Amino acid sequence: MLRLVQVSFLLIVLLSVVLAGSIGMNILTYVRLTAEQPIAKMYFEQVEDDIFTAHMASDDAGVSGSYKIYGDQWRIDAEFIKLKPWANIIGMDARYQLVRFEGRYSDTNRQNTGPYLAYDLAAGDIPDLIGYLREWDVMIDAEYGSSTFTEIKEDVIYTVYRTQSGIIVRSEPMPDPIGYEPTMLEDIQSWVSDK
């Protein structure tokens, strides 16, 4: 009887460890496959109708600066190397190279007839790795272009992220300057606009 209790207890402990390990691996897999890294931040100042100055900051060489763009939207493009999911799980991340930044119009007629500017960025972590990864082609899932665009809004900070499958953008309201205290009227307007 004592032997049966000991074996049962040992089996329960072993199954608990296996279950905890399985849950941990599932969480790790989820975290690695959904990993995001900020690669650029920007905000816009309007110069005239459909003319903006974009102020961009990035750790990638050659990307930070101010850019004049035309349109009511902006777009950023990247060359992208997506790795196999097992490579992501063991700690390797997708690779990118920011290649172009431009303004665009939401209306295609205006896009085809309006003024237009595009900028070469050519920065990121692809050039250092292409030769290395060619030798380890078994890790590469796909090579392609990835692009994201959105409406231009002033008083908004846009953050471009590298995910494991492409680039995405998120926005947040621009923070108030340090020491700024909103007036009662601004508080009421903010409360009404949130409703």
N, C-alpha and C. Protein backbone atom coordinates (compact mmCIF):
# COMPACT_ATOMS: atom_id res chain seq x y z
N MET A 1 0.83 -1.20 0.00
CA MET A 1 0.00 0.00 0.00
C MET A 1 0.87 1.26 0.00
N LEU A 2 1.91 1.25 0.85
CA LEU A 2 2.82 2.39 0.91
C LEU A 2 3.52 2.60 -0.44
N ARG A 3 3.88 1.51 -1.08
CA ARG A 3 4.55 1.57 -2.39
C ARG A 3 3.61 2.20 -3.43
N LEU A 4 2.33 1.88 -3.40
CA LEU A 4 1.34 2.43 -4.33
C LEU A 4 1.19 3.93 -4.11
N VAL A 5 1.17 4.37 -2.87
CA VAL A 5 1.06 5.80 -2.55
C VAL A 5 2.29 6.54 -3.05
N GLN A 6 3.50 5.96 -2.84
CA GLN A 6 4.73 6.59 -3.29
C GLN A 6 4.77 6.71 -4.81
N VAL A 7 4.39 5.67 -5.52
CA VAL A 7 4.37 5.70 -6.98
C VAL A 7 3.34 6.71 -7.47
N SER A 8 2.17 6.73 -6.84
CA SER A 8 1.13 7.69 -7.23
C SER A 8 1.60 9.12 -7.01
N PHE A 9 2.23 9.37 -5.86
CA PHE A 9 2.75 10.71 -5.56
C PHE A 9 3.82 11.10 -6.58
N LEU A 10 4.73 10.21 -6.88
CA LEU A 10 5.79 10.47 -7.85
C LEU A 10 5.19 10.73 -9.24
N LEU A 11 4.17 9.99 -9.61
CA LEU A 11 3.51 10.18 -10.89
C LEU A 11 2.82 11.55 -10.95
N ILE A 12 2.16 11.94 -9.85
CA ILE A 12 1.50 13.25 -9.79
C ILE A 12 2.53 14.37 -9.91
N VAL A 13 3.65 14.25 -9.23
CA VAL A 13 4.71 15.26 -9.31
C VAL A 13 5.26 15.33 -10.73
N LEU A 14 5.52 14.18 -11.32
CA LEU A 14 6.06 14.13 -12.68
C LEU A 14 5.09 14.74 -13.67
N LEU A 15 3.82 14.43 -13.58
CA LEU A 15 2.81 14.99 -14.48
C LEU A 15 2.67 16.50 -14.27
N SER A 16 2.78 16.96 -13.01
CA SER A 16 2.71 18.39 -12.73
C SER A 16 3.88 19.13 -13.36
N VAL A 17 5.08 18.55 -13.28
CA VAL A 17 6.27 19.17 -13.89
C VAL A 17 6.10 19.21 -15.42
N VAL A 18 5.61 18.13 -16.01
CA VAL A 18 5.40 18.08 -17.46
C VAL A 18 4.35 19.13 -17.87
N LEU A 19 3.26 19.26 -17.10
CA LEU A 19 2.22 20.23 -17.40
C LEU A 19 2.77 21.66 -17.29
N ALA A 20 3.52 21.93 -16.22
CA ALA A 20 4.12 23.27 -16.05
C ALA A 20 5.08 23.57 -17.19
N GLY A 21 5.89 22.59 -17.58
CA GLY A 21 6.81 22.78 -18.70
C GLY A 21 6.08 23.03 -20.00
N SER A 22 5.00 22.31 -20.22
CA SER A 22 4.21 22.49 -21.43
C SER A 22 3.58 23.88 -21.48
N ILE A 23 3.04 24.34 -20.37
CA ILE A 23 2.45 25.68 -20.29
C ILE A 23 3.55 26.72 -20.53
N GLY A 24 4.70 26.53 -19.91
CA GLY A 24 5.82 27.46 -20.11
C GLY A 24 6.27 27.52 -21.56
N MET A 25 6.35 26.36 -22.23
CA MET A 25 6.75 26.34 -23.64
C MET A 25 5.70 27.02 -24.52
N ASN A 26 4.41 26.84 -24.20
CA ASN A 26 3.37 27.52 -24.97
C ASN A 26 3.46 29.03 -24.82
N ILE A 27 3.72 29.50 -23.61
CA ILE A 27 3.87 30.93 -23.37
C ILE A 27 5.10 31.46 -24.11
N LEU A 28 6.22 30.75 -24.02
CA LEU A 28 7.43 31.15 -24.72
C LEU A 28 7.21 31.19 -26.23
N THR A 29 6.54 30.19 -26.76
CA THR A 29 6.25 30.16 -28.19
C THR A 29 5.40 31.36 -28.59
N TYR A 30 4.36 31.67 -27.82
CA TYR A 30 3.51 32.81 -28.11
C TYR A 30 4.31 34.11 -28.07
N VAL A 31 5.11 34.29 -27.04
CA VAL A 31 5.91 35.51 -26.89
C VAL A 31 6.87 35.68 -28.06
N ARG A 32 7.57 34.63 -28.43
CA ARG A 32 8.55 34.71 -29.52
C ARG A 32 7.89 34.95 -30.88
N LEU A 33 6.76 34.29 -31.14
CA LEU A 33 6.11 34.44 -32.44
C LEU A 33 5.37 35.76 -32.60
N THR A 34 5.10 36.45 -31.49
CA THR A 34 4.41 37.74 -31.54
C THR A 34 5.33 38.88 -31.14
N ALA A 35 6.64 38.65 -31.10
CA ALA A 35 7.59 39.68 -30.68
C ALA A 35 7.56 40.88 -31.63
N GLU A 36 7.63 42.07 -31.06
CA GLU A 36 7.68 43.31 -31.82
C GLU A 36 8.83 44.16 -31.30
N GLN A 37 9.43 44.93 -32.20
CA GLN A 37 10.52 45.83 -31.81
C GLN A 37 10.29 47.18 -32.49
N PRO A 38 10.29 48.29 -31.73
CA PRO A 38 10.14 49.60 -32.37
C PRO A 38 11.39 49.91 -33.20
N ILE A 39 11.18 50.37 -34.44
CA ILE A 39 12.32 50.67 -35.31
C ILE A 39 12.34 52.13 -35.77
N ALA A 40 11.24 52.86 -35.62
CA ALA A 40 11.22 54.29 -35.97
C ALA A 40 10.04 54.96 -35.29
N LYS A 41 10.23 56.25 -34.98
CA LYS A 41 9.15 57.08 -34.43
C LYS A 41 9.09 58.34 -35.27
N MET A 42 7.89 58.91 -35.42
CA MET A 42 7.77 60.14 -36.19
C MET A 42 6.54 60.93 -35.79
N TYR A 43 6.60 62.23 -36.10
CA TYR A 43 5.43 63.10 -35.97
C TYR A 43 5.47 64.08 -37.13
N PHE A 44 4.34 64.76 -37.38
CA PHE A 44 4.19 65.59 -38.56
C PHE A 44 3.79 67.01 -38.18
N GLU A 45 4.29 67.96 -38.96
CA GLU A 45 3.89 69.36 -38.86
C GLU A 45 3.36 69.78 -40.23
N GLN A 46 2.18 70.40 -40.24
CA GLN A 46 1.60 70.82 -41.51
C GLN A 46 2.24 72.13 -41.95
N VAL A 47 2.65 72.18 -43.22
CA VAL A 47 3.24 73.39 -43.81
C VAL A 47 2.17 74.14 -44.58
N GLU A 48 1.44 73.42 -45.43
CA GLU A 48 0.31 73.94 -46.21
C GLU A 48 -0.68 72.79 -46.35
N ASP A 49 -1.76 73.05 -47.12
CA ASP A 49 -2.70 71.95 -47.38
C ASP A 49 -1.96 70.83 -48.09
N ASP A 50 -2.04 69.62 -47.56
CA ASP A 50 -1.42 68.42 -48.12
C ASP A 50 0.10 68.51 -48.27
N ILE A 51 0.74 69.39 -47.51
CA ILE A 51 2.21 69.44 -47.45
C ILE A 51 2.60 69.38 -45.97
N PHE A 52 3.42 68.40 -45.64
CA PHE A 52 3.82 68.19 -44.25
C PHE A 52 5.33 68.04 -44.16
N THR A 53 5.85 68.34 -42.98
CA THR A 53 7.23 68.00 -42.64
C THR A 53 7.14 66.85 -41.65
N ALA A 54 7.76 65.73 -42.02
CA ALA A 54 7.80 64.56 -41.14
C ALA A 54 9.12 64.58 -40.39
N HIS A 55 9.05 64.45 -39.08
CA HIS A 55 10.25 64.38 -38.23
C HIS A 55 10.37 62.94 -37.76
N MET A 56 11.43 62.24 -38.22
CA MET A 56 11.58 60.82 -37.94
C MET A 56 12.85 60.57 -37.13
N ALA A 57 12.75 59.65 -36.17
CA ALA A 57 13.91 59.23 -35.37
C ALA A 57 13.98 57.71 -35.39
N SER A 58 15.21 57.20 -35.56
CA SER A 58 15.43 55.76 -35.60
C SER A 58 16.86 55.47 -35.20
N ASP A 59 17.08 54.28 -34.63
CA ASP A 59 18.44 53.84 -34.33
C ASP A 59 19.17 53.38 -35.59
N ASP A 60 18.43 53.15 -36.68
CA ASP A 60 19.04 52.73 -37.94
C ASP A 60 19.72 53.92 -38.60
N ALA A 61 20.94 53.71 -39.06
CA ALA A 61 21.72 54.78 -39.69
C ALA A 61 21.02 55.27 -40.96
N GLY A 62 21.02 56.59 -41.15
CA GLY A 62 20.48 57.17 -42.37
C GLY A 62 18.98 57.37 -42.38
N VAL A 63 18.29 57.08 -41.30
CA VAL A 63 16.83 57.19 -41.29
C VAL A 63 16.38 58.47 -40.59
N SER A 64 17.00 58.82 -39.48
CA SER A 64 16.57 59.99 -38.71
C SER A 64 16.73 61.27 -39.53
N GLY A 65 15.74 62.15 -39.40
CA GLY A 65 15.79 63.42 -40.10
C GLY A 65 14.41 63.97 -40.33
N SER A 66 14.36 65.07 -41.08
CA SER A 66 13.09 65.71 -41.44
C SER A 66 12.88 65.54 -42.94
N TYR A 67 11.64 65.24 -43.32
CA TYR A 67 11.30 64.95 -44.70
C TYR A 67 10.05 65.73 -45.09
N LYS A 68 10.11 66.43 -46.23
CA LYS A 68 8.93 67.12 -46.76
C LYS A 68 8.15 66.10 -47.59
N ILE A 69 6.86 65.97 -47.30
CA ILE A 69 6.03 65.03 -48.07
C ILE A 69 4.73 65.70 -48.49
N TYR A 70 4.15 65.18 -49.56
CA TYR A 70 2.88 65.65 -50.09
C TYR A 70 1.82 64.57 -49.86
N GLY A 71 0.60 65.02 -49.55
CA GLY A 71 -0.50 64.08 -49.41
C GLY A 71 -1.16 64.17 -48.05
N ASP A 72 -2.13 63.30 -47.84
CA ASP A 72 -2.83 63.25 -46.55
C ASP A 72 -2.54 61.95 -45.80
N GLN A 73 -1.62 61.14 -46.36
CA GLN A 73 -1.17 59.91 -45.72
C GLN A 73 0.35 59.81 -45.87
N TRP A 74 0.95 58.91 -45.08
CA TRP A 74 2.37 58.61 -45.23
C TRP A 74 2.55 57.11 -45.32
N ARG A 75 3.69 56.72 -45.91
CA ARG A 75 3.98 55.29 -46.07
C ARG A 75 5.48 55.05 -45.89
N ILE A 76 5.80 53.92 -45.26
CA ILE A 76 7.19 53.51 -45.12
C ILE A 76 7.29 52.05 -45.59
N ASP A 77 8.36 51.77 -46.35
CA ASP A 77 8.55 50.45 -46.94
C ASP A 77 9.83 49.82 -46.39
N ALA A 78 9.84 48.49 -46.36
CA ALA A 78 11.02 47.76 -45.90
C ALA A 78 11.20 46.49 -46.71
N GLU A 79 12.46 46.12 -46.93
CA GLU A 79 12.76 44.77 -47.40
C GLU A 79 12.75 43.89 -46.16
N PHE A 80 12.25 42.67 -46.29
CA PHE A 80 12.01 41.87 -45.09
C PHE A 80 12.45 40.43 -45.31
N ILE A 81 13.08 39.87 -44.30
CA ILE A 81 13.41 38.44 -44.29
C ILE A 81 12.68 37.82 -43.11
N LYS A 82 11.69 36.98 -43.44
CA LYS A 82 10.92 36.27 -42.42
C LYS A 82 11.59 34.92 -42.18
N LEU A 83 11.81 34.61 -40.92
CA LEU A 83 12.44 33.34 -40.57
C LEU A 83 11.39 32.28 -40.27
N LYS A 84 11.79 31.04 -40.30
CA LYS A 84 10.89 29.94 -39.97
C LYS A 84 10.47 30.07 -38.50
N PRO A 85 9.26 29.63 -38.16
CA PRO A 85 8.80 29.76 -36.77
C PRO A 85 9.75 29.12 -35.75
N TRP A 86 10.35 27.98 -36.08
CA TRP A 86 11.25 27.34 -35.11
C TRP A 86 12.47 28.22 -34.85
N ALA A 87 12.91 28.99 -35.85
CA ALA A 87 14.04 29.90 -35.64
C ALA A 87 13.64 31.05 -34.72
N ASN A 88 12.38 31.54 -34.86
CA ASN A 88 11.89 32.56 -33.94
C ASN A 88 11.83 32.03 -32.51
N ILE A 89 11.35 30.81 -32.36
CA ILE A 89 11.18 30.23 -31.02
C ILE A 89 12.53 30.07 -30.31
N ILE A 90 13.59 29.74 -31.07
CA ILE A 90 14.89 29.57 -30.41
C ILE A 90 15.61 30.90 -30.20
N GLY A 91 14.96 32.02 -30.55
CA GLY A 91 15.52 33.33 -30.21
C GLY A 91 15.96 34.20 -31.36
N MET A 92 15.84 33.76 -32.60
CA MET A 92 16.23 34.57 -33.74
C MET A 92 15.04 35.41 -34.20
N ASP A 93 15.32 36.65 -34.63
CA ASP A 93 14.27 37.55 -35.07
C ASP A 93 14.34 37.79 -36.56
N ALA A 94 13.18 38.13 -37.14
CA ALA A 94 13.11 38.51 -38.55
C ALA A 94 14.04 39.70 -38.79
N ARG A 95 14.50 39.86 -40.01
CA ARG A 95 15.40 40.94 -40.38
C ARG A 95 14.71 41.87 -41.37
N TYR A 96 15.07 43.14 -41.31
CA TYR A 96 14.44 44.14 -42.16
C TYR A 96 15.48 45.16 -42.62
N GLN A 97 15.10 45.92 -43.63
CA GLN A 97 15.88 47.09 -44.05
C GLN A 97 14.87 48.13 -44.52
N LEU A 98 14.80 49.27 -43.82
CA LEU A 98 13.92 50.35 -44.26
C LEU A 98 14.47 50.89 -45.58
N VAL A 99 13.63 51.00 -46.60
CA VAL A 99 14.13 51.39 -47.91
C VAL A 99 13.48 52.65 -48.48
N ARG A 100 12.26 52.98 -48.09
CA ARG A 100 11.61 54.14 -48.69
C ARG A 100 10.62 54.76 -47.72
N PHE A 101 10.53 56.11 -47.80
CA PHE A 101 9.54 56.87 -47.04
C PHE A 101 8.92 57.87 -47.99
N GLU A 102 7.58 57.99 -47.94
CA GLU A 102 6.92 58.88 -48.89
C GLU A 102 5.56 59.32 -48.37
N GLY A 103 5.06 60.39 -48.96
CA GLY A 103 3.69 60.81 -48.74
C GLY A 103 2.81 60.18 -49.80
N ARG A 104 1.53 60.12 -49.53
CA ARG A 104 0.59 59.58 -50.51
C ARG A 104 -0.77 60.21 -50.27
N TYR A 105 -1.63 60.10 -51.24
CA TYR A 105 -2.97 60.65 -51.15
C TYR A 105 -3.97 59.50 -51.01
N SER A 106 -5.00 59.70 -50.22
CA SER A 106 -6.02 58.67 -50.09
C SER A 106 -6.86 58.57 -51.36
N ASP A 107 -6.97 59.67 -52.10
CA ASP A 107 -7.71 59.69 -53.37
C ASP A 107 -6.76 59.34 -54.51
N THR A 108 -7.06 58.29 -55.28
CA THR A 108 -6.15 57.85 -56.34
C THR A 108 -6.00 58.88 -57.45
N ASN A 109 -7.04 59.66 -57.75
CA ASN A 109 -6.91 60.70 -58.77
C ASN A 109 -5.88 61.74 -58.35
N ARG A 110 -5.93 62.14 -57.09
CA ARG A 110 -4.94 63.10 -56.59
C ARG A 110 -3.56 62.46 -56.55
N GLN A 111 -3.48 61.16 -56.25
CA GLN A 111 -2.20 60.47 -56.25
C GLN A 111 -1.57 60.49 -57.65
N ASN A 112 -2.39 60.33 -58.67
CA ASN A 112 -1.89 60.29 -60.04
C ASN A 112 -1.56 61.66 -60.61
N THR A 113 -2.15 62.72 -60.06
CA THR A 113 -1.93 64.06 -60.63
C THR A 113 -1.22 65.03 -59.71
N GLY A 114 -1.17 64.75 -58.42
CA GLY A 114 -0.59 65.69 -57.47
C GLY A 114 0.93 65.58 -57.36
N PRO A 115 1.53 66.56 -56.69
CA PRO A 115 2.99 66.49 -56.48
C PRO A 115 3.35 65.29 -55.60
N TYR A 116 4.58 64.84 -55.75
CA TYR A 116 4.98 63.59 -55.10
C TYR A 116 6.46 63.64 -54.75
N LEU A 117 6.83 63.16 -53.56
CA LEU A 117 8.23 63.01 -53.15
C LEU A 117 8.40 61.68 -52.44
N ALA A 118 9.50 61.00 -52.72
CA ALA A 118 9.84 59.76 -52.02
C ALA A 118 11.31 59.84 -51.64
N TYR A 119 11.67 59.20 -50.52
CA TYR A 119 13.04 59.24 -50.02
C TYR A 119 13.58 57.84 -49.85
N ASP A 120 14.83 57.63 -50.29
CA ASP A 120 15.53 56.37 -50.04
C ASP A 120 16.03 56.39 -48.61
N LEU A 121 15.77 55.34 -47.88
CA LEU A 121 16.26 55.23 -46.50
C LEU A 121 17.42 54.25 -46.41
N ALA A 122 17.25 53.06 -47.00
CA ALA A 122 18.30 52.03 -47.05
C ALA A 122 19.06 51.89 -45.75
N ALA A 123 18.34 51.55 -44.69
CA ALA A 123 18.97 51.32 -43.40
C ALA A 123 18.30 50.15 -42.72
N GLY A 124 19.02 49.45 -41.89
CA GLY A 124 18.46 48.33 -41.15
C GLY A 124 19.52 47.28 -40.93
N ASP A 125 19.10 46.06 -40.68
CA ASP A 125 20.06 45.02 -40.33
C ASP A 125 20.17 43.93 -41.39
N ILE A 126 19.63 44.13 -42.58
CA ILE A 126 19.73 43.12 -43.63
C ILE A 126 21.14 43.04 -44.24
N PRO A 127 21.80 44.14 -44.59
CA PRO A 127 23.09 44.01 -45.30
C PRO A 127 24.12 43.17 -44.55
N ASP A 128 24.19 43.29 -43.25
CA ASP A 128 25.17 42.54 -42.48
C ASP A 128 24.85 41.05 -42.44
N LEU A 129 23.60 40.71 -42.65
CA LEU A 129 23.17 39.34 -42.43
C LEU A 129 22.91 38.52 -43.67
N ILE A 130 22.76 39.18 -44.81
CA ILE A 130 22.37 38.43 -46.01
C ILE A 130 23.37 37.32 -46.32
N GLY A 131 24.65 37.64 -46.33
CA GLY A 131 25.65 36.61 -46.61
C GLY A 131 25.62 35.49 -45.59
N TYR A 132 25.48 35.84 -44.34
CA TYR A 132 25.43 34.84 -43.27
C TYR A 132 24.22 33.93 -43.43
N LEU A 133 23.05 34.54 -43.68
CA LEU A 133 21.84 33.75 -43.79
C LEU A 133 21.80 32.90 -45.06
N ARG A 134 22.49 33.33 -46.10
CA ARG A 134 22.53 32.52 -47.33
C ARG A 134 23.13 31.14 -47.03
N GLU A 135 24.11 31.12 -46.11
CA GLU A 135 24.70 29.84 -45.73
C GLU A 135 23.72 29.01 -44.89
N TRP A 136 22.82 29.69 -44.22
CA TRP A 136 21.85 29.02 -43.35
C TRP A 136 20.44 29.18 -43.91
N ASP A 137 20.31 28.97 -45.21
CA ASP A 137 19.04 29.16 -45.92
C ASP A 137 17.90 28.36 -45.30
N VAL A 138 18.22 27.33 -44.55
CA VAL A 138 17.21 26.50 -43.93
C VAL A 138 16.36 27.31 -42.93
N MET A 139 16.87 28.45 -42.44
CA MET A 139 16.14 29.27 -41.47
C MET A 139 15.19 30.26 -42.14
N ILE A 140 15.42 30.60 -43.41
CA ILE A 140 14.63 31.62 -44.08
C ILE A 140 13.31 31.03 -44.57
N ASP A 141 12.22 31.69 -44.19
CA ASP A 141 10.89 31.29 -44.64
C ASP A 141 10.54 32.03 -45.93
N ALA A 142 10.78 33.36 -45.97
CA ALA A 142 10.43 34.15 -47.15
C ALA A 142 11.19 35.47 -47.12
N GLU A 143 11.45 36.01 -48.32
CA GLU A 143 12.02 37.35 -48.49
C GLU A 143 11.01 38.15 -49.30
N TYR A 144 10.62 39.33 -48.81
CA TYR A 144 9.60 40.12 -49.49
C TYR A 144 9.65 41.55 -49.01
N GLY A 145 8.84 42.40 -49.65
CA GLY A 145 8.68 43.78 -49.22
C GLY A 145 7.52 43.88 -48.26
N SER A 146 7.68 44.73 -47.27
CA SER A 146 6.62 44.98 -46.30
C SER A 146 6.42 46.49 -46.22
N SER A 147 5.18 46.91 -46.15
CA SER A 147 4.88 48.34 -46.17
C SER A 147 3.74 48.62 -45.19
N THR A 148 3.74 49.81 -44.64
CA THR A 148 2.63 50.24 -43.81
C THR A 148 2.35 51.71 -44.10
N PHE A 149 1.08 52.10 -44.04
CA PHE A 149 0.71 53.50 -44.25
C PHE A 149 -0.49 53.84 -43.40
N THR A 150 -0.66 55.13 -43.17
CA THR A 150 -1.80 55.59 -42.38
C THR A 150 -2.02 57.08 -42.64
N GLU A 151 -3.16 57.58 -42.17
CA GLU A 151 -3.49 59.00 -42.30
C GLU A 151 -2.50 59.84 -41.50
N ILE A 152 -2.25 61.05 -41.99
CA ILE A 152 -1.39 61.98 -41.26
C ILE A 152 -2.27 62.78 -40.31
N LYS A 153 -1.90 62.76 -39.04
CA LYS A 153 -2.57 63.57 -38.03
C LYS A 153 -1.50 64.31 -37.24
N GLU A 154 -1.74 65.59 -37.02
CA GLU A 154 -0.82 66.33 -36.17
C GLU A 154 -1.12 65.97 -34.72
N ASP A 155 -0.22 66.28 -33.84
CA ASP A 155 -0.37 65.98 -32.41
C ASP A 155 -0.47 64.48 -32.13
N VAL A 156 0.12 63.68 -33.02
CA VAL A 156 0.17 62.24 -32.85
C VAL A 156 1.60 61.77 -33.09
N ILE A 157 2.05 60.83 -32.29
CA ILE A 157 3.35 60.20 -32.50
C ILE A 157 3.09 58.80 -33.06
N TYR A 158 3.72 58.52 -34.19
CA TYR A 158 3.60 57.21 -34.84
C TYR A 158 4.85 56.40 -34.53
N THR A 159 4.66 55.14 -34.19
CA THR A 159 5.78 54.23 -33.95
C THR A 159 5.67 53.07 -34.93
N VAL A 160 6.76 52.84 -35.68
CA VAL A 160 6.82 51.73 -36.63
C VAL A 160 7.51 50.57 -35.92
N TYR A 161 6.91 49.38 -35.98
CA TYR A 161 7.44 48.20 -35.32
C TYR A 161 7.82 47.14 -36.34
N ARG A 162 8.87 46.40 -36.04
CA ARG A 162 9.24 45.19 -36.77
C ARG A 162 8.62 44.03 -36.02
N THR A 163 7.76 43.27 -36.70
CA THR A 163 7.21 42.05 -36.11
C THR A 163 7.96 40.88 -36.72
N GLN A 164 7.53 39.68 -36.44
CA GLN A 164 8.20 38.52 -37.03
C GLN A 164 7.76 38.28 -38.47
N SER A 165 6.75 39.04 -38.94
CA SER A 165 6.26 38.82 -40.30
C SER A 165 6.15 40.09 -41.15
N GLY A 166 6.55 41.24 -40.63
CA GLY A 166 6.48 42.48 -41.40
C GLY A 166 6.59 43.69 -40.50
N ILE A 167 6.27 44.87 -41.06
CA ILE A 167 6.28 46.08 -40.25
C ILE A 167 4.85 46.56 -40.06
N ILE A 168 4.59 47.16 -38.91
CA ILE A 168 3.27 47.70 -38.58
C ILE A 168 3.48 49.07 -37.95
N VAL A 169 2.40 49.84 -37.82
CA VAL A 169 2.47 51.15 -37.19
C VAL A 169 1.37 51.27 -36.13
N ARG A 170 1.72 51.94 -35.05
CA ARG A 170 0.75 52.28 -34.00
C ARG A 170 0.90 53.77 -33.71
N SER A 171 -0.17 54.39 -33.26
CA SER A 171 -0.11 55.82 -32.95
C SER A 171 -0.59 56.06 -31.53
N GLU A 172 -0.13 57.17 -30.99
CA GLU A 172 -0.56 57.59 -29.66
C GLU A 172 -0.55 59.11 -29.62
N PRO A 173 -1.39 59.72 -28.78
CA PRO A 173 -1.39 61.19 -28.71
C PRO A 173 -0.03 61.71 -28.26
N MET A 174 0.36 62.83 -28.84
CA MET A 174 1.63 63.45 -28.46
C MET A 174 1.51 63.94 -27.02
N PRO A 175 2.50 63.64 -26.19
CA PRO A 175 2.41 64.08 -24.79
C PRO A 175 2.49 65.60 -24.69
N ASP A 176 1.85 66.10 -23.64
CA ASP A 176 1.92 67.54 -23.40
C ASP A 176 3.32 67.92 -22.94
N PRO A 177 3.74 69.15 -23.23
CA PRO A 177 5.08 69.58 -22.77
C PRO A 177 5.19 69.50 -21.25
N ILE A 178 6.39 69.30 -20.76
CA ILE A 178 6.62 69.22 -19.31
C ILE A 178 6.20 70.55 -18.68
N GLY A 179 5.44 70.46 -17.60
CA GLY A 179 4.98 71.64 -16.88
C GLY A 179 3.67 72.19 -17.41
N TYR A 180 3.14 71.61 -18.50
CA TYR A 180 1.89 72.10 -19.08
C TYR A 180 0.72 71.68 -18.20
N GLU A 181 -0.12 72.63 -17.87
CA GLU A 181 -1.33 72.36 -17.11
C GLU A 181 -2.53 72.79 -17.96
N PRO A 182 -3.40 71.85 -18.35
CA PRO A 182 -4.55 72.24 -19.16
C PRO A 182 -5.51 73.13 -18.37
N THR A 183 -6.16 74.04 -19.10
CA THR A 183 -7.15 74.91 -18.46
C THR A 183 -8.43 74.11 -18.25
N MET A 184 -9.36 74.68 -17.48
CA MET A 184 -10.62 74.01 -17.22
C MET A 184 -11.38 73.81 -18.53
N LEU A 185 -11.33 74.81 -19.43
CA LEU A 185 -12.01 74.70 -20.71
C LEU A 185 -11.42 73.55 -21.53
N GLU A 186 -10.09 73.39 -21.55
CA GLU A 186 -9.45 72.29 -22.27
C GLU A 186 -9.83 70.94 -21.67
N ASP A 187 -9.94 70.87 -20.36
CA ASP A 187 -10.39 69.64 -19.71
C ASP A 187 -11.81 69.27 -20.15
N ILE A 188 -12.69 70.26 -20.20
CA ILE A 188 -14.08 70.02 -20.60
C ILE A 188 -14.13 69.60 -22.07
N GLN A 189 -13.36 70.29 -22.95
CA GLN A 189 -13.34 69.93 -24.38
C GLN A 189 -12.81 68.51 -24.55
N SER A 190 -11.80 68.15 -23.82
CA SER A 190 -11.25 66.81 -23.90
C SER A 190 -12.27 65.77 -23.44
N TRP A 191 -13.00 66.08 -22.36
CA TRP A 191 -14.00 65.17 -21.85
C TRP A 191 -15.14 65.01 -22.84
N VAL A 192 -15.59 66.11 -23.48
CA VAL A 192 -16.68 66.05 -24.45
C VAL A 192 -16.25 65.28 -25.69
N SER A 193 -15.02 65.48 -26.16
CA SER A 193 -14.57 64.79 -27.38
C SER A 193 -14.36 63.30 -27.15
N ASP A 194 -14.11 62.89 -25.91
CA ASP A 194 -13.96 61.46 -25.60
C ASP A 194 -15.31 60.75 -25.52
N LYS A 195 -16.38 61.45 -25.38
CA LYS A 195 -17.73 60.84 -25.24
C LYS A 195 -18.31 60.50 -26.56
